[in-house]
Amino acid sequence: MLLYHYFDKKTGPFRNLSDLSEKEARKVLQSIKSEKPETMCAKRQDSYIADRRRFEEILRNEFLKKGGIIERKAPHYLVVGECPWLQSWF
């Protein structure tokens, strides 16, 4: 099994909106929407940042319930196996 982390070569790997303040994350998302309007990332809904933070909190809590140890507040996202569709985003 291989894990893949898809990213924009211009910004580099493991850059995470969830590591930023809400204001900074919105600014980055707005920049993506204006600079790369054709990408999937640019098509995210206005509530994306708030939704993402809410879902990450649920996942953190469930992970803790199972005895997990959290080393980072925000997760890094990886995909199990290659995904040409995600690769096409970048």
C-alpha atoms as a PDB file:
ATOM      1  CA  MET A   1       0.000   0.000   0.000  1.00  0.00           C
ATOM      2  CA  LEU A   2       1.324   3.431  -0.942  1.00  0.00           C
ATOM      3  CA  LEU A   3       0.231   6.798   0.423  1.00  0.00           C
ATOM      4  CA  TYR A   4       0.162   9.775  -1.928  1.00  0.00           C
ATOM      5  CA  HIS A   5       0.229  13.464  -1.072  1.00  0.00           C
ATOM      6  CA  TYR A   6      -0.810  15.617  -4.025  1.00  0.00           C
ATOM      7  CA  PHE A   7       0.361  19.225  -3.996  1.00  0.00           C
ATOM      8  CA  ASP A   8       1.085  22.252  -6.141  1.00  0.00           C
ATOM      9  CA  LYS A   9       4.787  22.242  -7.063  1.00  0.00           C
ATOM     10  CA  LYS A  10       4.762  26.035  -6.853  1.00  0.00           C
ATOM     11  CA  THR A  11       3.904  26.053  -3.134  1.00  0.00           C
ATOM     12  CA  GLY A  12       5.403  22.708  -2.080  1.00  0.00           C
ATOM     13  CA  PRO A  13       4.203  19.699  -0.079  1.00  0.00           C
ATOM     14  CA  PHE A  14       2.439  19.601   3.268  1.00  0.00           C
ATOM     15  CA  ARG A  15       1.150  23.166   3.148  1.00  0.00           C
ATOM     16  CA  ASN A  16      -2.073  23.091   5.115  1.00  0.00           C
ATOM     17  CA  LEU A  17      -4.925  25.601   5.304  1.00  0.00           C
ATOM     18  CA  SER A  18      -5.752  24.229   8.754  1.00  0.00           C
ATOM     19  CA  ASP A  19      -2.377  25.388  10.089  1.00  0.00           C
ATOM     20  CA  LEU A  20      -3.400  28.978   9.352  1.00  0.00           C
ATOM     21  CA  SER A  21      -5.753  31.306  11.193  1.00  0.00           C
ATOM     22  CA  GLU A  22      -9.226  31.473   9.696  1.00  0.00           C
ATOM     23  CA  LYS A  23      -8.448  34.902   8.216  1.00  0.00           C
ATOM     24  CA  GLU A  24      -5.196  33.684   6.635  1.00  0.00           C
ATOM     25  CA  ALA A  25      -6.847  30.511   5.307  1.00  0.00           C
ATOM     26  CA  ARG A  26      -9.640  32.540   3.694  1.00  0.00           C
ATOM     27  CA  LYS A  27      -7.020  34.789   2.096  1.00  0.00           C
ATOM     28  CA  VAL A  28      -5.159  31.794   0.624  1.00  0.00           C
ATOM     29  CA  LEU A  29      -8.391  30.249  -0.650  1.00  0.00           C
ATOM     30  CA  GLN A  30      -9.409  33.561  -2.223  1.00  0.00           C
ATOM     31  CA  SER A  31      -5.991  33.795  -3.871  1.00  0.00           C
ATOM     32  CA  ILE A  32      -6.435  30.305  -5.347  1.00  0.00           C
ATOM     33  CA  LYS A  33      -9.885  31.265  -6.619  1.00  0.00           C
ATOM     34  CA  SER A  34      -8.554  34.348  -8.394  1.00  0.00           C
ATOM     35  CA  GLU A  35      -5.236  32.926  -9.674  1.00  0.00           C
ATOM     36  CA  LYS A  36      -6.428  29.442 -10.673  1.00  0.00           C
ATOM     37  CA  PRO A  37     -10.198  29.663 -11.228  1.00  0.00           C
ATOM     38  CA  GLU A  38     -10.242  26.480 -13.332  1.00  0.00           C
ATOM     39  CA  THR A  39      -8.954  24.235 -10.509  1.00  0.00           C
ATOM     40  CA  MET A  40     -11.113  22.142  -8.202  1.00  0.00           C
ATOM     41  CA  CYS A  41      -9.737  23.984  -5.168  1.00  0.00           C
ATOM     42  CA  ALA A  42     -11.112  27.246  -6.571  1.00  0.00           C
ATOM     43  CA  LYS A  43     -14.615  25.793  -6.699  1.00  0.00           C
ATOM     44  CA  ARG A  44     -14.890  25.221  -2.956  1.00  0.00           C
ATOM     45  CA  GLN A  45     -17.964  26.665  -1.239  1.00  0.00           C
ATOM     46  CA  ASP A  46     -17.766  29.795   0.910  1.00  0.00           C
ATOM     47  CA  SER A  47     -18.192  27.732   4.084  1.00  0.00           C
ATOM     48  CA  TYR A  48     -15.265  25.434   3.185  1.00  0.00           C
ATOM     49  CA  ILE A  49     -12.856  26.624   5.903  1.00  0.00           C
ATOM     50  CA  ALA A  50     -15.460  26.450   8.692  1.00  0.00           C
ATOM     51  CA  ASP A  51     -16.740  23.077   7.440  1.00  0.00           C
ATOM     52  CA  ARG A  52     -13.220  21.670   7.219  1.00  0.00           C
ATOM     53  CA  ARG A  53     -12.369  22.770  10.759  1.00  0.00           C
ATOM     54  CA  ARG A  54     -15.592  21.263  12.096  1.00  0.00           C
ATOM     55  CA  PHE A  55     -14.938  17.908  10.380  1.00  0.00           C
ATOM     56  CA  GLU A  56     -11.318  17.865  11.543  1.00  0.00           C
ATOM     57  CA  GLU A  57     -12.480  18.447  15.124  1.00  0.00           C
ATOM     58  CA  ILE A  58     -14.876  15.481  14.854  1.00  0.00           C
ATOM     59  CA  LEU A  59     -12.069  13.284  13.516  1.00  0.00           C
ATOM     60  CA  ARG A  60      -9.683  14.434  16.273  1.00  0.00           C
ATOM     61  CA  ASN A  61     -12.226  13.619  18.965  1.00  0.00           C
ATOM     62  CA  GLU A  62     -12.979  10.179  17.510  1.00  0.00           C
ATOM     63  CA  PHE A  63      -9.255   9.438  17.193  1.00  0.00           C
ATOM     64  CA  LEU A  64      -8.726  10.393  20.851  1.00  0.00           C
ATOM     65  CA  LYS A  65     -11.622   8.143  21.934  1.00  0.00           C
ATOM     66  CA  LYS A  66      -9.807   5.224  20.308  1.00  0.00           C
ATOM     67  CA  GLY A  67      -6.632   5.991  22.252  1.00  0.00           C
ATOM     68  CA  GLY A  68      -4.850   7.913  19.517  1.00  0.00           C
ATOM     69  CA  ILE A  69      -2.053  10.324  20.307  1.00  0.00           C
ATOM     70  CA  ILE A  70      -2.264  13.635  18.485  1.00  0.00           C
ATOM     71  CA  GLU A  71       1.023  15.203  17.492  1.00  0.00           C
ATOM     72  CA  ARG A  72      -0.332  17.938  15.198  1.00  0.00           C
ATOM     73  CA  LYS A  73      -3.471  20.004  15.603  1.00  0.00           C
ATOM     74  CA  ALA A  74      -4.150  19.871  11.858  1.00  0.00           C
ATOM     75  CA  PRO A  75      -3.831  16.633   9.897  1.00  0.00           C
ATOM     76  CA  HIS A  76      -1.815  16.185   6.741  1.00  0.00           C
ATOM     77  CA  TYR A  77      -3.971  14.742   3.997  1.00  0.00           C
ATOM     78  CA  LEU A  78      -2.859  11.656   2.086  1.00  0.00           C
ATOM     79  CA  VAL A  79      -4.594   9.246  -0.257  1.00  0.00           C
ATOM     80  CA  VAL A  80      -4.306   5.464  -0.159  1.00  0.00           C
ATOM     81  CA  GLY A  81      -3.164   4.552  -3.655  1.00  0.00           C
ATOM     82  CA  GLU A  82      -2.726   6.673  -6.742  1.00  0.00           C
ATOM     83  CA  CYS A  83      -5.626   8.911  -7.789  1.00  0.00           C
ATOM     84  CA  PRO A  84      -5.387  10.411 -11.295  1.00  0.00           C
ATOM     85  CA  TRP A  85      -8.425  12.599 -10.564  1.00  0.00           C
ATOM     86  CA  LEU A  86      -6.699  14.296  -7.594  1.00  0.00           C
ATOM     87  CA  GLN A  87      -3.451  14.486  -9.543  1.00  0.00           C
ATOM     88  CA  SER A  88      -5.318  16.432 -12.243  1.00  0.00           C
ATOM     89  CA  TRP A  89      -6.053  19.211  -9.705  1.00  0.00           C
ATOM     90  CA  PHE A  90      -2.408  20.172  -9.781  1.00  0.00           C
END
